[in-house]
Each structure stands twice: as C-alpha cells, then as structure tokens.
Amino acid sequence: RAAVELLLRRPSALVGVGAGLVEEGEETLHAACRLVLQLDGHVLAIQGPPGTGKTFTGANMVCELVRAGLKVGITAVSHKVIVNLMEGAMKQAAERGLPLRAVHKQSGQYEGAWGIERLDKYSPILNGLQSGEIDVVGATAWCWSRPDFEQSVDVLVVDEAGQMSLSNVLAVAPAGRSLVLLGDPQQLEQPLQSSHPEGSEVSALSHLLAGEDTMPQDKGLFLGETYRLHPEIARFTSEVYYEGRVTARPELVHQAILPKQDNSPYSGSGLLFVAVAHSGNQARSYEEAEVVTGVVGELLDGGRWRDKEEKVHVVTPEDILIVAPYNAQVAALTEAIPELAD
C-alpha cells in the first residue's frame, strides 16, 4: 500500500483536502513524531536541507515508534548512512531512558560507543524481529528486498531518500507496513552506472516532488531552520534552491574565520571566490592545488574561528573540508596537503 501511494504521488492520507500536515503553532519535529505514530500503510516524506536536523528528527521518530512497541527498519544507500541514523536513535534512547536493542546487518565488529549489535545472517535478525527481541534493524536493500522480510517491520525508514533511486525504494517498501522517506533531493543524487526505464532512475523523493524544489504541505514535511549554516550562506542556498523557505538560527551569525593577519582576504563569514588561472586541465589542476595549499597554510598558521556561542578556537586540520569534483584532483590535493588526507 505504501509503495503504491509513493508510486502514484498521492497527497498524504494523514491530512484532509487543502490542509497541511503541521498544526498551527506546532514545531516540525513535534509534527514528525506525532505523524509517524499515525502511519497505517502510508508514506511520510520529510525534506531537510543542509544542517536542518534530518538525522536528529529521524532519530526521535525511531524512538517514538519503539516506545509505542513498534518495530523499525532503517535503510539507505550505504552502511555509513545507516549506522549514523542508528547511532542517533541510540543516543536519543539513552537520553530518554528508553531500552532499545538495535541490530546492524553487516559483518565485522561495531566500533562505536552506542552498543549496536552486528549480525551477518538473515535468519537470526528475522527471528529477533518476530519474537520482539529486536526493536530496530539497519540494513541495505539486499536485506529488505528479500521475500522473507516482507512486512517484517511496522515502519521502514529510508534515510537519504534523495539519493536512493525510486526503483530501489519500491523494492524495499514491502518490508514495512508504512514508509518514511528522509532526505533532500536538492543535494547529492545516487550515482548511476546502468540504464533504467524512464522515470525509475530518479530518487524516491525527487519522484514524489514531481519537479517541485521543496516539499508541498500536503505531501510531507519541510525542515526549514538550519543549525549549521551562517545566515549569509543559508540565505544564498535558500534563495537559489529552496524557494526562500530556509532560515538560519540567529546565533549562527557569530560564526566567523579570524585569521592571524588582519589584512587576510580569508576573514569573516559567507562565500568567498578565489580565481585561479590555468588551461588545458580536465580532471586535475596542480595550479588549483597550489592555491588551495596556500589558503590552508594561512588558516593553519595561527588562524582562529568563532563558533555560534562566540567561543574562539584555533583552526586545526579537522576544521577544514576540501571538496573536489574528480578523483584525480583529490589525489593532487592529498599529495599537496597530506595533513588533510583523512
């Protein structure tokens, strides 16, 4: 039923005609936790731009479902994403004093601090769900698309549903009576290396949005307040990608770079463009790597940064993230700046 609802792009069955999912004066987080308990063969879609709390919202929803005695499945395009949401749920459960047994379908030992159990066999996981000994299971589509896992959980949460293709989500949907789609199709899409029937190659959230930039009120929830981006950056992304619906928390205005040199061009907040002259480079530019090396060197040479609480910190390699479009350029940057390789 949930798969059909998604495929046909139906408005949410949780609201009446012309109404929205969020009640007047209600915070989106509270709406998500309330609505997820009302799911009965339905789809609940949640779009969250950068830093708006997708994982936090999803973790709280998982806890609400477990508290209500329901079984929860978590899936995504990678184990890293799955574990991130599971750890978020375990953290919230610990803060609430909620007993929660979570199992991750993967071989190897869990290296985190939240006590997630790892199993690499399907039968003990399925038996644990059926007996009620397991509350939450995280696994990729290889698990949830198996016929023996059909209707094995009450709610299946698809994290980063803006990256998982519609065909994959439809394949795993029968595993849960209801479906939660959590993500943002305006961010990275799933890489494709094969051809698909027209329309099935898009992500599940992109399919549901049907060309809209942001989630319509009658189809799902939109997380519109970022806890990460400085207002100058949030304003740009909001206007360009999110129809002006994203705002930044007021305390984020304090975030800034404080270089050692007063006349440094890399001070302050927001977006800064640095031009690099080069030609004939398609996948790698040593000229760009050299300029980036200089920027990083200046920031690490006594540079400081101020957080949202107006506390000042020394800039360390852990505070710097470099994004490059090609693996060849990543290799060039890794060679030039080995301290940021990790």
Protein backbone atom coordinates (compact mmCIF):
# COMPACT_ATOMS: atom_id res chain seq x y z
CA ARG A 1 0.00 0.00 0.00
CA ALA A 2 2.78 2.46 0.91
CA ALA A 3 4.64 1.61 -2.31
CA VAL A 4 1.53 2.33 -4.38
CA GLU A 5 0.98 5.61 -2.53
CA LEU A 6 4.55 6.65 -3.35
CA LEU A 7 4.39 5.49 -6.96
CA LEU A 8 1.18 7.43 -7.63
CA ARG A 9 2.48 10.54 -5.81
CA ARG A 10 -0.69 10.77 -3.77
CA PRO A 11 -1.11 13.58 -1.24
CA SER A 12 -0.57 12.38 2.30
CA ALA A 13 -3.52 10.44 3.67
CA LEU A 14 -2.80 11.98 7.09
CA VAL A 15 -4.38 15.32 6.17
CA GLY A 16 -7.70 16.44 4.76
CA VAL A 17 -8.24 18.25 1.47
CA GLY A 18 -6.40 21.58 1.39
CA ALA A 19 -4.87 21.09 4.83
CA GLY A 20 -1.25 20.80 5.85
CA LEU A 21 0.48 18.19 7.96
CA VAL A 22 1.77 20.65 10.58
CA GLU A 23 -0.78 22.02 13.02
CA GLU A 24 -0.89 25.72 13.83
CA GLY A 25 1.93 26.66 16.20
CA GLU A 26 3.45 23.18 16.07
CA GLU A 27 7.19 22.65 15.60
CA THR A 28 8.15 20.42 12.67
CA LEU A 29 9.97 17.97 14.96
CA HIS A 30 6.86 17.51 17.08
CA ALA A 31 4.76 17.09 13.96
CA ALA A 32 7.10 14.39 12.66
CA CYS A 33 6.96 12.46 15.95
CA ARG A 34 3.17 12.78 16.07
CA LEU A 35 2.56 11.80 12.45
CA VAL A 36 4.88 8.80 12.43
CA LEU A 37 2.66 7.16 15.05
CA GLN A 38 -0.39 7.68 12.83
CA LEU A 39 1.06 5.83 9.85
CA ASP A 40 -1.05 2.89 8.74
CA GLY A 41 0.16 1.77 5.35
CA HIS A 42 1.12 5.36 4.47
CA VAL A 43 4.16 7.34 3.33
CA LEU A 44 5.61 10.18 5.41
CA ALA A 45 8.14 12.22 3.42
CA ILE A 46 10.49 14.69 5.12
CA GLN A 47 12.81 17.03 3.20
CA GLY A 48 15.70 18.52 5.12
CA PRO A 49 18.20 21.00 3.61
CA PRO A 50 21.78 21.09 4.99
CA GLY A 51 22.02 21.33 8.77
CA THR A 52 18.28 21.33 9.43
CA GLY A 53 18.33 18.22 11.62
CA LYS A 54 17.34 15.31 9.36
CA THR A 55 19.23 12.78 11.48
CA PHE A 56 18.01 14.30 14.76
CA THR A 57 14.41 14.23 13.51
CA GLY A 58 14.73 10.68 12.24
CA ALA A 59 16.31 9.51 15.50
CA ASN A 60 13.48 10.97 17.56
CA MET A 61 10.90 9.36 15.28
CA VAL A 62 12.56 5.97 15.72
CA CYS A 63 12.42 6.37 19.50
CA GLU A 64 8.73 7.30 19.41
CA LEU A 65 7.98 4.19 17.37
CA VAL A 66 9.95 1.92 19.70
CA ARG A 67 8.26 3.47 22.75
CA ALA A 68 4.92 2.60 21.13
CA GLY A 69 6.03 -1.03 20.78
CA LEU A 70 6.56 -0.93 17.03
CA LYS A 71 9.36 -2.50 15.01
CA VAL A 72 11.53 -0.21 12.89
CA GLY A 73 13.74 -0.84 9.89
CA ILE A 74 16.38 1.59 8.64
CA THR A 75 17.89 1.52 5.16
CA ALA A 76 19.97 3.76 2.91
CA VAL A 77 22.41 3.58 0.02
CA SER A 78 25.38 2.89 2.32
CA HIS A 79 26.15 1.30 5.67
CA LYS A 80 27.72 4.56 6.85
CA VAL A 81 24.43 6.42 6.48
CA ILE A 82 22.51 3.60 8.14
CA VAL A 83 24.82 3.50 11.16
CA ASN A 84 24.72 7.29 11.52
CA LEU A 85 20.94 7.24 11.97
CA MET A 86 21.09 4.19 14.23
CA GLU A 87 23.64 5.90 16.47
CA GLY A 88 21.41 8.98 16.58
CA ALA A 89 18.48 6.83 17.70
CA MET A 90 20.60 5.08 20.34
CA LYS A 91 21.74 8.43 21.70
CA GLN A 92 18.19 9.75 21.93
CA ALA A 93 17.04 6.50 23.54
CA ALA A 94 19.78 6.78 26.17
CA GLU A 95 18.75 10.35 26.99
CA ARG A 96 15.12 9.23 27.35
CA GLY A 97 15.96 6.13 29.38
CA LEU A 98 14.35 4.04 26.66
CA PRO A 99 15.58 0.42 26.29
CA LEU A 100 16.41 -0.11 22.62
CA ARG A 101 18.04 -3.13 21.02
CA ALA A 102 19.40 -2.29 17.58
CA VAL A 103 20.98 -4.70 15.10
CA HIS A 104 23.01 -3.80 12.03
CA LYS A 105 23.12 -6.36 9.22
CA GLN A 106 26.82 -6.38 8.43
CA SER A 107 29.85 -8.48 9.19
CA GLY A 108 32.62 -7.27 11.48
CA GLN A 109 32.67 -5.60 14.87
CA TYR A 110 30.84 -2.38 15.71
CA GLU A 111 33.42 0.23 16.71
CA GLY A 112 31.08 2.89 18.08
CA ALA A 113 30.03 3.67 21.64
CA TRP A 114 26.29 3.02 21.43
CA GLY A 115 26.09 -0.75 21.69
CA ILE A 116 24.70 -1.59 18.27
CA GLU A 117 24.89 -5.33 17.65
CA ARG A 118 26.14 -6.64 14.32
CA LEU A 119 24.81 -9.83 12.70
CA ASP A 120 25.69 -11.10 9.25
CA LYS A 121 22.98 -13.79 8.96
CA TYR A 122 19.40 -13.10 7.91
CA SER A 123 17.60 -15.75 9.97
CA PRO A 124 18.54 -14.53 13.48
CA ILE A 125 17.57 -10.98 12.53
CA LEU A 126 14.19 -12.09 11.22
CA ASN A 127 13.61 -14.32 14.25
CA GLY A 128 14.52 -11.44 16.56
CA LEU A 129 12.02 -9.14 14.89
CA GLN A 130 9.27 -11.75 15.02
CA SER A 131 9.88 -12.55 18.68
CA GLY A 132 10.10 -8.90 19.69
CA GLU A 133 13.67 -9.22 20.96
CA ILE A 134 14.95 -6.73 18.36
CA ASP A 135 13.50 -3.22 18.11
CA VAL A 136 15.47 -1.66 15.25
CA VAL A 137 17.27 -3.24 12.31
CA GLY A 138 19.55 -1.36 9.94
CA ALA A 139 20.33 -2.99 6.60
CA THR A 140 20.77 -2.23 2.91
CA ALA A 141 18.30 -3.08 0.16
CA TRP A 142 19.86 -6.54 -0.16
CA CYS A 143 18.16 -7.42 3.13
CA TRP A 144 14.87 -5.55 2.95
CA SER A 145 14.06 -6.66 -0.60
CA ARG A 146 14.16 -10.35 0.36
CA PRO A 147 10.71 -12.05 0.19
CA ASP A 148 11.09 -13.45 3.73
CA PHE A 149 11.43 -9.90 5.11
CA GLU A 150 8.11 -8.73 3.65
CA GLN A 151 6.07 -6.92 6.36
CA SER A 152 8.81 -7.71 8.89
CA VAL A 153 8.71 -4.19 10.41
CA ASP A 154 5.96 -1.72 11.11
CA VAL A 155 7.82 1.28 9.67
CA LEU A 156 10.74 1.27 7.25
CA VAL A 157 12.80 4.48 7.34
CA VAL A 158 14.72 5.30 4.16
CA ASP A 159 17.49 7.73 5.08
CA GLU A 160 18.98 9.93 2.34
CA ALA A 161 15.97 9.08 0.20
CA GLY A 162 17.09 11.89 -2.10
CA GLN A 163 19.91 9.56 -3.16
CA MET A 164 18.16 6.18 -3.28
CA SER A 165 16.50 5.50 -6.64
CA LEU A 166 12.75 5.06 -6.87
CA SER A 167 13.21 1.50 -8.15
CA ASN A 168 15.26 0.55 -5.08
CA VAL A 169 12.77 2.12 -2.68
CA LEU A 170 9.90 0.29 -4.35
CA ALA A 171 11.89 -2.93 -3.99
CA VAL A 172 12.35 -2.50 -0.22
CA ALA A 173 8.96 -0.91 0.55
CA PRO A 174 7.11 -4.25 1.10
CA ALA A 175 9.37 -4.91 4.12
CA GLY A 176 7.46 -2.30 6.12
CA ARG A 177 3.77 -1.68 6.59
CA SER A 178 4.50 2.07 6.37
CA LEU A 179 7.31 4.08 4.84
CA VAL A 180 9.27 7.15 5.96
CA LEU A 181 11.38 8.98 3.37
CA LEU A 182 14.04 11.22 4.90
CA GLY A 183 16.44 13.29 2.82
CA ASP A 184 16.86 16.09 0.31
CA PRO A 185 16.87 15.62 -3.48
CA GLN A 186 18.49 19.05 -3.87
CA GLN A 187 21.71 17.57 -2.53
CA LEU A 188 23.68 14.65 -3.99
CA GLU A 189 21.85 12.15 -6.18
CA GLN A 190 22.64 8.44 -6.35
CA PRO A 191 25.40 7.68 -8.89
CA LEU A 192 24.09 5.60 -11.80
CA GLN A 193 26.16 3.16 -13.82
CA SER A 194 23.42 1.50 -15.84
CA SER A 195 20.29 2.34 -17.81
CA HIS A 196 16.83 2.31 -16.24
CA PRO A 197 13.26 2.53 -17.54
CA GLU A 198 12.28 6.17 -17.90
CA GLY A 199 11.38 7.68 -14.54
CA SER A 200 12.68 4.85 -12.36
CA GLU A 201 16.22 6.24 -12.24
CA VAL A 202 15.20 9.31 -10.21
CA SER A 203 15.34 9.24 -6.43
CA ALA A 204 12.24 8.42 -4.44
CA LEU A 205 11.97 11.95 -3.06
CA SER A 206 12.52 13.51 -6.49
CA HIS A 207 9.72 11.33 -7.84
CA LEU A 208 7.39 12.42 -5.06
CA LEU A 209 8.23 16.11 -5.53
CA ALA A 210 7.49 15.83 -9.27
CA GLY A 211 9.60 18.84 -10.24
CA GLU A 212 8.95 20.95 -7.12
CA ASP A 213 12.01 22.36 -5.34
CA THR A 214 10.55 21.97 -1.86
CA MET A 215 8.08 19.62 -0.23
CA PRO A 216 4.42 20.66 -0.70
CA GLN A 217 2.49 20.93 2.56
CA ASP A 218 0.02 18.23 1.56
CA LYS A 219 2.72 15.66 0.70
CA GLY A 220 5.19 15.86 3.57
CA LEU A 221 7.24 17.96 5.98
CA PHE A 222 9.93 20.52 5.24
CA LEU A 223 12.67 21.23 7.80
CA GLY A 224 13.26 24.92 7.26
CA GLU A 225 15.67 26.01 10.00
CA THR A 226 19.39 25.27 9.69
CA TYR A 227 21.52 24.77 12.79
CA ARG A 228 24.78 24.75 10.82
CA LEU A 229 25.00 27.38 8.07
CA HIS A 230 25.90 31.01 8.69
CA PRO A 231 22.98 33.27 7.69
CA GLU A 232 24.91 34.57 4.64
CA ILE A 233 25.35 31.05 3.29
CA ALA A 234 21.87 29.95 4.34
CA ARG A 235 20.35 32.95 2.55
CA PHE A 236 22.10 32.04 -0.70
CA THR A 237 21.14 28.37 -0.65
CA SER A 238 17.62 29.24 0.43
CA GLU A 239 17.02 31.64 -2.44
CA VAL A 240 18.70 29.50 -5.12
CA TYR A 241 17.48 26.04 -4.15
CA TYR A 242 14.69 26.19 -1.58
CA GLU A 243 12.24 28.92 -2.65
CA GLY A 244 13.33 31.10 0.28
CA ARG A 245 12.00 28.63 2.86
CA VAL A 246 15.27 28.04 4.77
CA THR A 247 16.37 30.32 7.60
CA ALA A 248 19.38 30.14 9.93
CA ARG A 249 19.30 30.04 13.68
CA PRO A 250 20.04 33.60 14.91
CA GLU A 251 23.08 32.58 16.97
CA LEU A 252 24.85 31.32 13.82
CA VAL A 253 25.58 34.92 12.84
CA HIS A 254 28.53 34.80 15.26
CA GLN A 255 30.39 32.14 13.24
CA ALA A 256 33.45 33.57 11.52
CA ILE A 257 37.04 32.96 10.46
CA LEU A 258 39.61 35.06 12.36
CA PRO A 259 42.96 34.82 10.54
CA LYS A 260 46.25 35.68 12.19
CA GLN A 261 46.86 38.52 9.74
CA ASP A 262 44.45 41.45 9.94
CA ASN A 263 44.61 42.07 6.19
CA SER A 264 43.89 38.45 5.21
CA PRO A 265 41.29 38.01 2.43
CA TYR A 266 40.01 34.88 4.17
CA SER A 267 38.42 36.54 7.18
CA GLY A 268 34.78 36.80 8.11
CA SER A 269 31.86 34.63 7.03
CA GLY A 270 29.97 33.60 3.95
CA LEU A 271 31.14 32.68 0.46
CA LEU A 272 34.49 33.78 -0.98
CA PHE A 273 35.62 33.23 -4.58
CA VAL A 274 39.31 32.82 -5.38
CA ALA A 275 40.17 32.84 -9.10
CA VAL A 276 42.92 30.52 -10.40
CA ALA A 277 44.29 30.96 -13.92
CA HIS A 278 45.03 27.69 -15.74
CA SER A 279 44.21 25.97 -19.02
CA GLY A 280 44.10 22.51 -20.56
CA ASN A 281 43.25 20.78 -17.27
CA GLN A 282 40.24 18.49 -17.41
CA ALA A 283 40.35 16.33 -14.29
CA ARG A 284 43.33 17.71 -12.38
CA SER A 285 44.86 21.13 -11.82
CA TYR A 286 48.14 21.48 -9.94
CA GLU A 287 47.67 25.24 -10.14
CA GLU A 288 44.47 24.99 -8.10
CA ALA A 289 46.12 22.59 -5.66
CA GLU A 290 48.91 25.12 -5.12
CA VAL A 291 46.45 27.92 -4.37
CA VAL A 292 44.42 25.72 -2.04
CA THR A 293 47.63 24.75 -0.25
CA GLY A 294 48.36 28.43 0.34
CA VAL A 295 44.87 29.08 1.72
CA VAL A 296 45.07 26.11 4.06
CA GLY A 297 48.56 27.11 5.18
CA GLU A 298 47.44 30.60 6.12
CA LEU A 299 44.42 29.31 8.03
CA LEU A 300 46.53 26.82 9.97
CA ASP A 301 49.22 29.41 10.75
CA GLY A 302 47.65 30.81 13.88
CA GLY A 303 44.19 31.19 12.37
CA ARG A 304 41.20 31.08 14.66
CA TRP A 305 37.45 30.68 14.26
CA ARG A 306 34.50 31.80 16.35
CA ASP A 307 31.57 29.46 16.95
CA LYS A 308 27.88 30.24 17.39
CA GLU A 309 28.36 30.67 21.14
CA GLU A 310 31.09 33.28 20.46
CA LYS A 311 33.83 30.97 21.73
CA VAL A 312 37.12 31.29 19.82
CA HIS A 313 39.08 28.21 18.73
CA VAL A 314 42.38 27.62 16.95
CA VAL A 315 41.89 26.35 13.38
CA THR A 316 43.03 22.72 13.08
CA PRO A 317 43.07 20.33 10.10
CA GLU A 318 39.85 18.80 11.44
CA ASP A 319 38.10 22.15 10.87
CA ILE A 320 38.84 22.24 7.13
CA LEU A 321 36.97 20.32 4.43
CA ILE A 322 38.06 20.41 0.79
CA VAL A 323 35.65 19.22 -1.90
CA ALA A 324 36.90 18.37 -5.39
CA PRO A 325 34.89 17.11 -8.40
CA TYR A 326 37.34 14.48 -9.65
CA ASN A 327 39.37 11.71 -8.02
CA ALA A 328 42.46 12.91 -9.86
CA GLN A 329 42.14 16.31 -8.22
CA VAL A 330 41.56 14.67 -4.84
CA ALA A 331 44.82 12.79 -5.34
CA ALA A 332 46.65 16.01 -6.26
CA LEU A 333 45.30 17.78 -3.16
CA THR A 334 46.13 14.79 -0.94
CA GLU A 335 49.69 14.88 -2.19
CA ALA A 336 49.95 18.64 -1.67
CA ILE A 337 48.25 18.72 1.75
CA PRO A 338 48.81 15.31 3.39
CA GLU A 339 47.67 16.56 6.81
CA LEU A 340 44.10 16.82 5.45
CA ALA A 341 44.14 13.39 3.76
CA ASP A 342 41.91 11.82 6.41
